[in-house]
Amino acid sequence: TWRISQEFDFLFNLFKRSDVIGWMVFVFVILLIYFLLRRRK
């Protein structure tokens, strides 16, 4: 997860700037990483 999340640094910058947009971005990236790992499995 840490390794994959390194590729989304630019998205996490939004997380720091805005509560609403930040949480939306955060949840989106979490779900994306989750499904990427499931596909790999």
ModelCIF file with pLDDT and N, C-alpha, C, O atoms, coordinates in Angstrom:
data_MODEL
#
_entry.id   MODEL 
#
_entity.id                         1 
_entity.type                       polymer 
_entity.pdbx_number_of_molecules   1 
#
_entity_poly.entity_id                      1 
_entity_poly.type                           'polypeptide(L)' 
_entity_poly.nstd_linkage                   no 
_entity_poly.nstd_monomer                   no 
_entity_poly.pdbx_seq_one_letter_code       TWRISQEFDFLFNLFKRSDVIGWMVFVFVILLIYFLLRRRK 
_entity_poly.pdbx_seq_one_letter_code_can   TWRISQEFDFLFNLFKRSDVIGWMVFVFVILLIYFLLRRRK 
_entity_poly.pdbx_strand_id                 A 
#
loop_
_entity_poly_seq.entity_id 
_entity_poly_seq.num 
_entity_poly_seq.mon_id 
_entity_poly_seq.hetero 
1 1  THR n 
1 2  TRP n 
1 3  ARG n 
1 4  ILE n 
1 5  SER n 
1 6  GLN n 
1 7  GLU n 
1 8  PHE n 
1 9  ASP n 
1 10 PHE n 
1 11 LEU n 
1 12 PHE n 
1 13 ASN n 
1 14 LEU n 
1 15 PHE n 
1 16 LYS n 
1 17 ARG n 
1 18 SER n 
1 19 ASP n 
1 20 VAL n 
1 21 ILE n 
1 22 GLY n 
1 23 TRP n 
1 24 MET n 
1 25 VAL n 
1 26 PHE n 
1 27 VAL n 
1 28 PHE n 
1 29 VAL n 
1 30 ILE n 
1 31 LEU n 
1 32 LEU n 
1 33 ILE n 
1 34 TYR n 
1 35 PHE n 
1 36 LEU n 
1 37 LEU n 
1 38 ARG n 
1 39 ARG n 
1 40 ARG n 
1 41 LYS n 
#
_struct_asym.id          A 
_struct_asym.entity_id   1 
#
loop_
_ma_qa_metric.id 
_ma_qa_metric.mode 
_ma_qa_metric.name 
_ma_qa_metric.software_group_id 
_ma_qa_metric.type 
1 global pLDDT . pLDDT 
2 local  pLDDT . pLDDT 
#
_ma_qa_metric_global.metric_id      1 
_ma_qa_metric_global.metric_value   57.15 
_ma_qa_metric_global.model_id       1 
_ma_qa_metric_global.ordinal_id     1 
#
loop_
_ma_qa_metric_local.label_asym_id 
_ma_qa_metric_local.label_comp_id 
_ma_qa_metric_local.label_seq_id 
_ma_qa_metric_local.metric_id 
_ma_qa_metric_local.metric_value 
_ma_qa_metric_local.model_id 
_ma_qa_metric_local.ordinal_id 
A THR 1  2 81.00 1 1  
A TRP 2  2 83.00 1 2  
A ARG 3  2 78.00 1 3  
A ILE 4  2 75.00 1 4  
A SER 5  2 72.00 1 5  
A GLN 6  2 72.00 1 6  
A GLU 7  2 66.00 1 7  
A PHE 8  2 63.00 1 8  
A ASP 9  2 59.00 1 9  
A PHE 10 2 53.00 1 10 
A LEU 11 2 52.00 1 11 
A PHE 12 2 54.00 1 12 
A ASN 13 2 54.00 1 13 
A LEU 14 2 50.00 1 14 
A PHE 15 2 49.00 1 15 
A LYS 16 2 48.00 1 16 
A ARG 17 2 48.00 1 17 
A SER 18 2 43.00 1 18 
A ASP 19 2 47.00 1 19 
A VAL 20 2 42.00 1 20 
A ILE 21 2 43.00 1 21 
A GLY 22 2 47.00 1 22 
A TRP 23 2 47.00 1 23 
A MET 24 2 51.00 1 24 
A VAL 25 2 50.00 1 25 
A PHE 26 2 53.00 1 26 
A VAL 27 2 57.00 1 27 
A PHE 28 2 56.00 1 28 
A VAL 29 2 57.00 1 29 
A ILE 30 2 58.00 1 30 
A LEU 31 2 62.00 1 31 
A LEU 32 2 61.00 1 32 
A ILE 33 2 60.00 1 33 
A TYR 34 2 60.00 1 34 
A PHE 35 2 64.00 1 35 
A LEU 36 2 59.00 1 36 
A LEU 37 2 56.00 1 37 
A ARG 38 2 59.00 1 38 
A ARG 39 2 57.00 1 39 
A ARG 40 2 49.00 1 40 
A LYS 41 2 48.00 1 41 
#
loop_
_atom_site.group_PDB 
_atom_site.id 
_atom_site.type_symbol 
_atom_site.label_atom_id 
_atom_site.label_alt_id 
_atom_site.label_comp_id 
_atom_site.label_asym_id 
_atom_site.label_entity_id 
_atom_site.label_seq_id 
_atom_site.pdbx_PDB_ins_code 
_atom_site.Cartn_x 
_atom_site.Cartn_y 
_atom_site.Cartn_z 
_atom_site.occupancy 
_atom_site.B_iso_or_equiv 
_atom_site.pdbx_formal_charge 
_atom_site.auth_seq_id 
_atom_site.auth_comp_id 
_atom_site.auth_asym_id 
_atom_site.auth_atom_id 
_atom_site.pdbx_PDB_model_num 
ATOM 1   N N  . THR A 1 1  ? 0.826   -1.209  0.000  1.00 81.00 ? 1  THR A N  1 
ATOM 2   C CA . THR A 1 1  ? 0.000   0.000   0.000  1.00 81.00 ? 1  THR A CA 1 
ATOM 3   C C  . THR A 1 1  ? 0.859   1.257   0.000  1.00 81.00 ? 1  THR A C  1 
ATOM 4   O O  . THR A 1 1  ? 0.593   2.203   -0.742 1.00 81.00 ? 1  THR A O  1 
ATOM 5   N N  . TRP A 1 2  ? 1.893   1.258   0.842  1.00 83.00 ? 2  TRP A N  1 
ATOM 6   C CA . TRP A 1 2  ? 2.796   2.421   0.893  1.00 83.00 ? 2  TRP A CA 1 
ATOM 7   C C  . TRP A 1 2  ? 3.437   2.646   -0.466 1.00 83.00 ? 2  TRP A C  1 
ATOM 8   O O  . TRP A 1 2  ? 3.541   3.783   -0.928 1.00 83.00 ? 2  TRP A O  1 
ATOM 9   N N  . ARG A 1 3  ? 3.870   1.559   -1.109 1.00 78.00 ? 3  ARG A N  1 
ATOM 10  C CA . ARG A 1 3  ? 4.544   1.696   -2.399 1.00 78.00 ? 3  ARG A CA 1 
ATOM 11  C C  . ARG A 1 3  ? 3.592   2.250   -3.466 1.00 78.00 ? 3  ARG A C  1 
ATOM 12  O O  . ARG A 1 3  ? 3.964   3.135   -4.237 1.00 78.00 ? 3  ARG A O  1 
ATOM 13  N N  . ILE A 1 4  ? 2.366   1.724   -3.506 1.00 75.00 ? 4  ILE A N  1 
ATOM 14  C CA . ILE A 1 4  ? 1.399   2.196   -4.495 1.00 75.00 ? 4  ILE A CA 1 
ATOM 15  C C  . ILE A 1 4  ? 0.998   3.640   -4.208 1.00 75.00 ? 4  ILE A C  1 
ATOM 16  O O  . ILE A 1 4  ? 0.838   4.445   -5.126 1.00 75.00 ? 4  ILE A O  1 
ATOM 17  N N  . SER A 1 5  ? 0.835   3.960   -2.912 1.00 72.00 ? 5  SER A N  1 
ATOM 18  C CA . SER A 1 5  ? 0.390   5.313   -2.542 1.00 72.00 ? 5  SER A CA 1 
ATOM 19  C C  . SER A 1 5  ? 1.409   6.378   -2.927 1.00 72.00 ? 5  SER A C  1 
ATOM 20  O O  . SER A 1 5  ? 1.061   7.548   -3.081 1.00 72.00 ? 5  SER A O  1 
ATOM 21  N N  . GLN A 1 6  ? 2.673   5.970   -3.083 1.00 72.00 ? 6  GLN A N  1 
ATOM 22  C CA . GLN A 1 6  ? 3.695   6.928   -3.505 1.00 72.00 ? 6  GLN A CA 1 
ATOM 23  C C  . GLN A 1 6  ? 3.384   7.505   -4.882 1.00 72.00 ? 6  GLN A C  1 
ATOM 24  O O  . GLN A 1 6  ? 3.804   8.614   -5.213 1.00 72.00 ? 6  GLN A O  1 
ATOM 25  N N  . GLU A 1 7  ? 2.641   6.739   -5.678 1.00 66.00 ? 7  GLU A N  1 
ATOM 26  C CA . GLU A 1 7  ? 2.301   7.186   -7.028 1.00 66.00 ? 7  GLU A CA 1 
ATOM 27  C C  . GLU A 1 7  ? 1.169   8.213   -7.022 1.00 66.00 ? 7  GLU A C  1 
ATOM 28  O O  . GLU A 1 7  ? 0.868   8.807   -8.057 1.00 66.00 ? 7  GLU A O  1 
ATOM 29  N N  . PHE A 1 8  ? 0.536   8.427   -5.855 1.00 63.00 ? 8  PHE A N  1 
ATOM 30  C CA . PHE A 1 8  ? -0.625  9.317   -5.794 1.00 63.00 ? 8  PHE A CA 1 
ATOM 31  C C  . PHE A 1 8  ? -0.368  10.544  -4.919 1.00 63.00 ? 8  PHE A C  1 
ATOM 32  O O  . PHE A 1 8  ? -1.296  11.109  -4.341 1.00 63.00 ? 8  PHE A O  1 
ATOM 33  N N  . ASP A 1 9  ? 0.880   10.942  -4.829 1.00 59.00 ? 9  ASP A N  1 
ATOM 34  C CA . ASP A 1 9  ? 1.237   12.097  -4.004 1.00 59.00 ? 9  ASP A CA 1 
ATOM 35  C C  . ASP A 1 9  ? 0.473   13.354  -4.397 1.00 59.00 ? 9  ASP A C  1 
ATOM 36  O O  . ASP A 1 9  ? 0.039   14.124  -3.541 1.00 59.00 ? 9  ASP A O  1 
ATOM 37  N N  . PHE A 1 10 ? 0.314   13.549  -5.696 1.00 53.00 ? 10 PHE A N  1 
ATOM 38  C CA . PHE A 1 10 ? -0.363  14.766  -6.153 1.00 53.00 ? 10 PHE A CA 1 
ATOM 39  C C  . PHE A 1 10 ? -1.815  14.797  -5.713 1.00 53.00 ? 10 PHE A C  1 
ATOM 40  O O  . PHE A 1 10 ? -2.377  15.870  -5.492 1.00 53.00 ? 10 PHE A O  1 
ATOM 41  N N  . LEU A 1 11 ? -2.437  13.607  -5.584 1.00 52.00 ? 11 LEU A N  1 
ATOM 42  C CA . LEU A 1 11 ? -3.822  13.558  -5.107 1.00 52.00 ? 11 LEU A CA 1 
ATOM 43  C C  . LEU A 1 11 ? -3.894  13.844  -3.619 1.00 52.00 ? 11 LEU A C  1 
ATOM 44  O O  . LEU A 1 11 ? -4.828  14.499  -3.155 1.00 52.00 ? 11 LEU A O  1 
ATOM 45  N N  . PHE A 1 12 ? -2.910  13.354  -2.862 1.00 54.00 ? 12 PHE A N  1 
ATOM 46  C CA . PHE A 1 12 ? -2.936  13.559  -1.427 1.00 54.00 ? 12 PHE A CA 1 
ATOM 47  C C  . PHE A 1 12 ? -2.654  15.013  -1.043 1.00 54.00 ? 12 PHE A C  1 
ATOM 48  O O  . PHE A 1 12 ? -2.951  15.430  0.076  1.00 54.00 ? 12 PHE A O  1 
ATOM 49  N N  . ASN A 1 13 ? -2.086  15.779  -1.967 1.00 54.00 ? 13 ASN A N  1 
ATOM 50  C CA . ASN A 1 13 ? -1.943  17.216  -1.719 1.00 54.00 ? 13 ASN A CA 1 
ATOM 51  C C  . ASN A 1 13 ? -3.310  17.874  -1.596 1.00 54.00 ? 13 ASN A C  1 
ATOM 52  O O  . ASN A 1 13 ? -3.485  18.828  -0.838 1.00 54.00 ? 13 ASN A O  1 
ATOM 53  N N  . LEU A 1 14 ? -4.285  17.351  -2.354 1.00 50.00 ? 14 LEU A N  1 
ATOM 54  C CA . LEU A 1 14 ? -5.663  17.852  -2.253 1.00 50.00 ? 14 LEU A CA 1 
ATOM 55  C C  . LEU A 1 14 ? -6.244  17.508  -0.887 1.00 50.00 ? 14 LEU A C  1 
ATOM 56  O O  . LEU A 1 14 ? -7.029  18.264  -0.314 1.00 50.00 ? 14 LEU A O  1 
ATOM 57  N N  . PHE A 1 15 ? -5.836  16.347  -0.384 1.00 49.00 ? 15 PHE A N  1 
ATOM 58  C CA . PHE A 1 15 ? -6.316  15.903  0.931  1.00 49.00 ? 15 PHE A CA 1 
ATOM 59  C C  . PHE A 1 15 ? -5.941  16.907  2.014  1.00 49.00 ? 15 PHE A C  1 
ATOM 60  O O  . PHE A 1 15 ? -6.697  17.117  2.962  1.00 49.00 ? 15 PHE A O  1 
ATOM 61  N N  . LYS A 1 16 ? -4.784  17.520  1.873  1.00 48.00 ? 16 LYS A N  1 
ATOM 62  C CA . LYS A 1 16 ? -4.304  18.468  2.879  1.00 48.00 ? 16 LYS A CA 1 
ATOM 63  C C  . LYS A 1 16 ? -4.981  19.833  2.748  1.00 48.00 ? 16 LYS A C  1 
ATOM 64  O O  . LYS A 1 16 ? -5.031  20.594  3.715  1.00 48.00 ? 16 LYS A O  1 
ATOM 65  N N  . ARG A 1 17 ? -5.501  20.146  1.560  1.00 48.00 ? 17 ARG A N  1 
ATOM 66  C CA . ARG A 1 17 ? -6.011  21.492  1.311  1.00 48.00 ? 17 ARG A CA 1 
ATOM 67  C C  . ARG A 1 17 ? -7.493  21.663  1.643  1.00 48.00 ? 17 ARG A C  1 
ATOM 68  O O  . ARG A 1 17 ? -7.903  22.724  2.115  1.00 48.00 ? 17 ARG A O  1 
ATOM 69  N N  . SER A 1 18 ? -8.282  20.649  1.404  1.00 43.00 ? 18 SER A N  1 
ATOM 70  C CA . SER A 1 18 ? -9.724  20.804  1.550  1.00 43.00 ? 18 SER A CA 1 
ATOM 71  C C  . SER A 1 18 ? -10.327 19.603  2.244  1.00 43.00 ? 18 SER A C  1 
ATOM 72  O O  . SER A 1 18 ? -10.067 18.460  1.867  1.00 43.00 ? 18 SER A O  1 
ATOM 73  N N  . ASP A 1 19 ? -11.144 19.867  3.274  1.00 47.00 ? 19 ASP A N  1 
ATOM 74  C CA . ASP A 1 19 ? -11.769 18.772  4.008  1.00 47.00 ? 19 ASP A CA 1 
ATOM 75  C C  . ASP A 1 19 ? -12.665 17.925  3.119  1.00 47.00 ? 19 ASP A C  1 
ATOM 76  O O  . ASP A 1 19 ? -12.541 16.700  3.087  1.00 47.00 ? 19 ASP A O  1 
ATOM 77  N N  . VAL A 1 20 ? -13.567 18.579  2.398  1.00 42.00 ? 20 VAL A N  1 
ATOM 78  C CA . VAL A 1 20 ? -14.548 17.856  1.589  1.00 42.00 ? 20 VAL A CA 1 
ATOM 79  C C  . VAL A 1 20 ? -13.867 17.129  0.434  1.00 42.00 ? 20 VAL A C  1 
ATOM 80  O O  . VAL A 1 20 ? -14.015 15.917  0.275  1.00 42.00 ? 20 VAL A O  1 
ATOM 81  N N  . ILE A 1 21 ? -13.120 17.884  -0.368 1.00 43.00 ? 21 ILE A N  1 
ATOM 82  C CA . ILE A 1 21 ? -12.438 17.272  -1.506 1.00 43.00 ? 21 ILE A CA 1 
ATOM 83  C C  . ILE A 1 21 ? -11.410 16.266  -1.005 1.00 43.00 ? 21 ILE A C  1 
ATOM 84  O O  . ILE A 1 21 ? -11.217 15.209  -1.605 1.00 43.00 ? 21 ILE A O  1 
ATOM 85  N N  . GLY A 1 22 ? -10.762 16.602  0.086  1.00 47.00 ? 22 GLY A N  1 
ATOM 86  C CA . GLY A 1 22 ? -9.733  15.730  0.635  1.00 47.00 ? 22 GLY A CA 1 
ATOM 87  C C  . GLY A 1 22 ? -10.253 14.348  0.987  1.00 47.00 ? 22 GLY A C  1 
ATOM 88  O O  . GLY A 1 22 ? -9.670  13.337  0.596  1.00 47.00 ? 22 GLY A O  1 
ATOM 89  N N  . TRP A 1 23 ? -11.351 14.312  1.724  1.00 47.00 ? 23 TRP A N  1 
ATOM 90  C CA . TRP A 1 23 ? -11.907 13.009  2.111  1.00 47.00 ? 23 TRP A CA 1 
ATOM 91  C C  . TRP A 1 23 ? -12.398 12.229  0.895  1.00 47.00 ? 23 TRP A C  1 
ATOM 92  O O  . TRP A 1 23 ? -12.273 11.005  0.851  1.00 47.00 ? 23 TRP A O  1 
ATOM 93  N N  . MET A 1 24 ? -12.951 12.927  -0.083 1.00 51.00 ? 24 MET A N  1 
ATOM 94  C CA . MET A 1 24 ? -13.401 12.258  -1.308 1.00 51.00 ? 24 MET A CA 1 
ATOM 95  C C  . MET A 1 24 ? -12.205 11.626  -2.033 1.00 51.00 ? 24 MET A C  1 
ATOM 96  O O  . MET A 1 24 ? -12.268 10.478  -2.473 1.00 51.00 ? 24 MET A O  1 
ATOM 97  N N  . VAL A 1 25 ? -11.132 12.383  -2.147 1.00 50.00 ? 25 VAL A N  1 
ATOM 98  C CA . VAL A 1 25 ? -9.919  11.879  -2.797 1.00 50.00 ? 25 VAL A CA 1 
ATOM 99  C C  . VAL A 1 25 ? -9.348  10.702  -2.008 1.00 50.00 ? 25 VAL A C  1 
ATOM 100 O O  . VAL A 1 25 ? -8.941  9.689   -2.577 1.00 50.00 ? 25 VAL A O  1 
ATOM 101 N N  . PHE A 1 26 ? -9.329  10.860  -0.692 1.00 53.00 ? 26 PHE A N  1 
ATOM 102 C CA . PHE A 1 26 ? -8.755  9.828   0.169  1.00 53.00 ? 26 PHE A CA 1 
ATOM 103 C C  . PHE A 1 26 ? -9.501  8.503   0.000  1.00 53.00 ? 26 PHE A C  1 
ATOM 104 O O  . PHE A 1 26 ? -8.886  7.458   -0.210 1.00 53.00 ? 26 PHE A O  1 
ATOM 105 N N  . VAL A 1 27 ? -10.823 8.556   0.093  1.00 57.00 ? 27 VAL A N  1 
ATOM 106 C CA . VAL A 1 27 ? -11.634 7.340   -0.038 1.00 57.00 ? 27 VAL A CA 1 
ATOM 107 C C  . VAL A 1 27 ? -11.473 6.741   -1.436 1.00 57.00 ? 27 VAL A C  1 
ATOM 108 O O  . VAL A 1 27 ? -11.399 5.521   -1.587 1.00 57.00 ? 27 VAL A O  1 
ATOM 109 N N  . PHE A 1 28 ? -11.418 7.612   -2.469 1.00 56.00 ? 28 PHE A N  1 
ATOM 110 C CA . PHE A 1 28 ? -11.255 7.128   -3.843 1.00 56.00 ? 28 PHE A CA 1 
ATOM 111 C C  . PHE A 1 28 ? -9.940  6.361   -4.001 1.00 56.00 ? 28 PHE A C  1 
ATOM 112 O O  . PHE A 1 28 ? -9.918  5.278   -4.585 1.00 56.00 ? 28 PHE A O  1 
ATOM 113 N N  . VAL A 1 29 ? -8.856  6.919   -3.484 1.00 57.00 ? 29 VAL A N  1 
ATOM 114 C CA . VAL A 1 29 ? -7.547  6.277   -3.624 1.00 57.00 ? 29 VAL A CA 1 
ATOM 115 C C  . VAL A 1 29 ? -7.494  4.972   -2.837 1.00 57.00 ? 29 VAL A C  1 
ATOM 116 O O  . VAL A 1 29 ? -6.914  3.990   -3.299 1.00 57.00 ? 29 VAL A O  1 
ATOM 117 N N  . ILE A 1 30 ? -8.095  4.957   -1.656 1.00 58.00 ? 30 ILE A N  1 
ATOM 118 C CA . ILE A 1 30 ? -8.127  3.739   -0.842 1.00 58.00 ? 30 ILE A CA 1 
ATOM 119 C C  . ILE A 1 30 ? -8.840  2.630   -1.599 1.00 58.00 ? 30 ILE A C  1 
ATOM 120 O O  . ILE A 1 30 ? -8.346  1.505   -1.677 1.00 58.00 ? 30 ILE A O  1 
ATOM 121 N N  . LEU A 1 31 ? -10.003 2.950   -2.155 1.00 62.00 ? 31 LEU A N  1 
ATOM 122 C CA . LEU A 1 31 ? -10.766 1.949   -2.916 1.00 62.00 ? 31 LEU A CA 1 
ATOM 123 C C  . LEU A 1 31 ? -9.991  1.499   -4.145 1.00 62.00 ? 31 LEU A C  1 
ATOM 124 O O  . LEU A 1 31 ? -10.015 0.321   -4.501 1.00 62.00 ? 31 LEU A O  1 
ATOM 125 N N  . LEU A 1 32 ? -9.305  2.431   -4.794 1.00 61.00 ? 32 LEU A N  1 
ATOM 126 C CA . LEU A 1 32 ? -8.524  2.100   -5.983 1.00 61.00 ? 32 LEU A CA 1 
ATOM 127 C C  . LEU A 1 32 ? -7.406  1.120   -5.638 1.00 61.00 ? 32 LEU A C  1 
ATOM 128 O O  . LEU A 1 32 ? -7.214  0.123   -6.333 1.00 61.00 ? 32 LEU A O  1 
ATOM 129 N N  . ILE A 1 33 ? -6.671  1.403   -4.565 1.00 60.00 ? 33 ILE A N  1 
ATOM 130 C CA . ILE A 1 33 ? -5.590  0.513   -4.136 1.00 60.00 ? 33 ILE A CA 1 
ATOM 131 C C  . ILE A 1 33 ? -6.151  -0.861  -3.761 1.00 60.00 ? 33 ILE A C  1 
ATOM 132 O O  . ILE A 1 33 ? -5.566  -1.894  -4.088 1.00 60.00 ? 33 ILE A O  1 
ATOM 133 N N  . TYR A 1 34 ? -7.285  -0.855  -3.077 1.00 60.00 ? 34 TYR A N  1 
ATOM 134 C CA . TYR A 1 34 ? -7.921  -2.110  -2.645 1.00 60.00 ? 34 TYR A CA 1 
ATOM 135 C C  . TYR A 1 34 ? -8.261  -2.994  -3.836 1.00 60.00 ? 34 TYR A C  1 
ATOM 136 O O  . TYR A 1 34 ? -7.973  -4.191  -3.826 1.00 60.00 ? 34 TYR A O  1 
ATOM 137 N N  . PHE A 1 35 ? -8.872  -2.411  -4.861 1.00 64.00 ? 35 PHE A N  1 
ATOM 138 C CA . PHE A 1 35 ? -9.262  -3.194  -6.033 1.00 64.00 ? 35 PHE A CA 1 
ATOM 139 C C  . PHE A 1 35 ? -8.064  -3.595  -6.887 1.00 64.00 ? 35 PHE A C  1 
ATOM 140 O O  . PHE A 1 35 ? -8.083  -4.648  -7.524 1.00 64.00 ? 35 PHE A O  1 
ATOM 141 N N  . LEU A 1 36 ? -7.022  -2.766  -6.906 1.00 59.00 ? 36 LEU A N  1 
ATOM 142 C CA . LEU A 1 36 ? -5.798  -3.145  -7.608 1.00 59.00 ? 36 LEU A CA 1 
ATOM 143 C C  . LEU A 1 36 ? -5.161  -4.372  -6.958 1.00 59.00 ? 36 LEU A C  1 
ATOM 144 O O  . LEU A 1 36 ? -4.685  -5.273  -7.649 1.00 59.00 ? 36 LEU A O  1 
ATOM 145 N N  . LEU A 1 37 ? -5.156  -4.399  -5.623 1.00 56.00 ? 37 LEU A N  1 
ATOM 146 C CA . LEU A 1 37 ? -4.595  -5.541  -4.910 1.00 56.00 ? 37 LEU A CA 1 
ATOM 147 C C  . LEU A 1 37 ? -5.448  -6.788  -5.105 1.00 56.00 ? 37 LEU A C  1 
ATOM 148 O O  . LEU A 1 37 ? -4.917  -7.894  -5.211 1.00 56.00 ? 37 LEU A O  1 
ATOM 149 N N  . ARG A 1 38 ? -6.752  -6.618  -5.153 1.00 59.00 ? 38 ARG A N  1 
ATOM 150 C CA . ARG A 1 38 ? -7.644  -7.760  -5.375 1.00 59.00 ? 38 ARG A CA 1 
ATOM 151 C C  . ARG A 1 38 ? -7.438  -8.350  -6.762 1.00 59.00 ? 38 ARG A C  1 
ATOM 152 O O  . ARG A 1 38 ? -7.427  -9.569  -6.929 1.00 59.00 ? 38 ARG A O  1 
ATOM 153 N N  . ARG A 1 39 ? -7.275  -7.482  -7.758 1.00 57.00 ? 39 ARG A N  1 
ATOM 154 C CA . ARG A 1 39 ? -7.029  -7.950  -9.123 1.00 57.00 ? 39 ARG A CA 1 
ATOM 155 C C  . ARG A 1 39 ? -5.700  -8.692  -9.215 1.00 57.00 ? 39 ARG A C  1 
ATOM 156 O O  . ARG A 1 39 ? -5.583  -9.700  -9.913 1.00 57.00 ? 39 ARG A O  1 
ATOM 157 N N  . ARG A 1 40 ? -4.696  -8.176  -8.496 1.00 49.00 ? 40 ARG A N  1 
ATOM 158 C CA . ARG A 1 40 ? -3.380  -8.823  -8.509 1.00 49.00 ? 40 ARG A CA 1 
ATOM 159 C C  . ARG A 1 40 ? -3.465  -10.186 -7.870 1.00 49.00 ? 40 ARG A C  1 
ATOM 160 O O  . ARG A 1 40 ? -2.845  -11.137 -8.345 1.00 49.00 ? 40 ARG A O  1 
ATOM 161 N N  . LYS A 1 41 ? -4.248  -10.297 -6.768 1.00 48.00 ? 41 LYS A N  1 
ATOM 162 C CA . LYS A 1 41 ? -4.396  -11.582 -6.079 1.00 48.00 ? 41 LYS A CA 1 
ATOM 163 C C  . LYS A 1 41 ? -5.091  -12.596 -6.984 1.00 48.00 ? 41 LYS A C  1 
ATOM 164 O O  . LYS A 1 41 ? -5.306  -13.739 -6.580 1.00 48.00 ? 41 LYS A O  1 
#
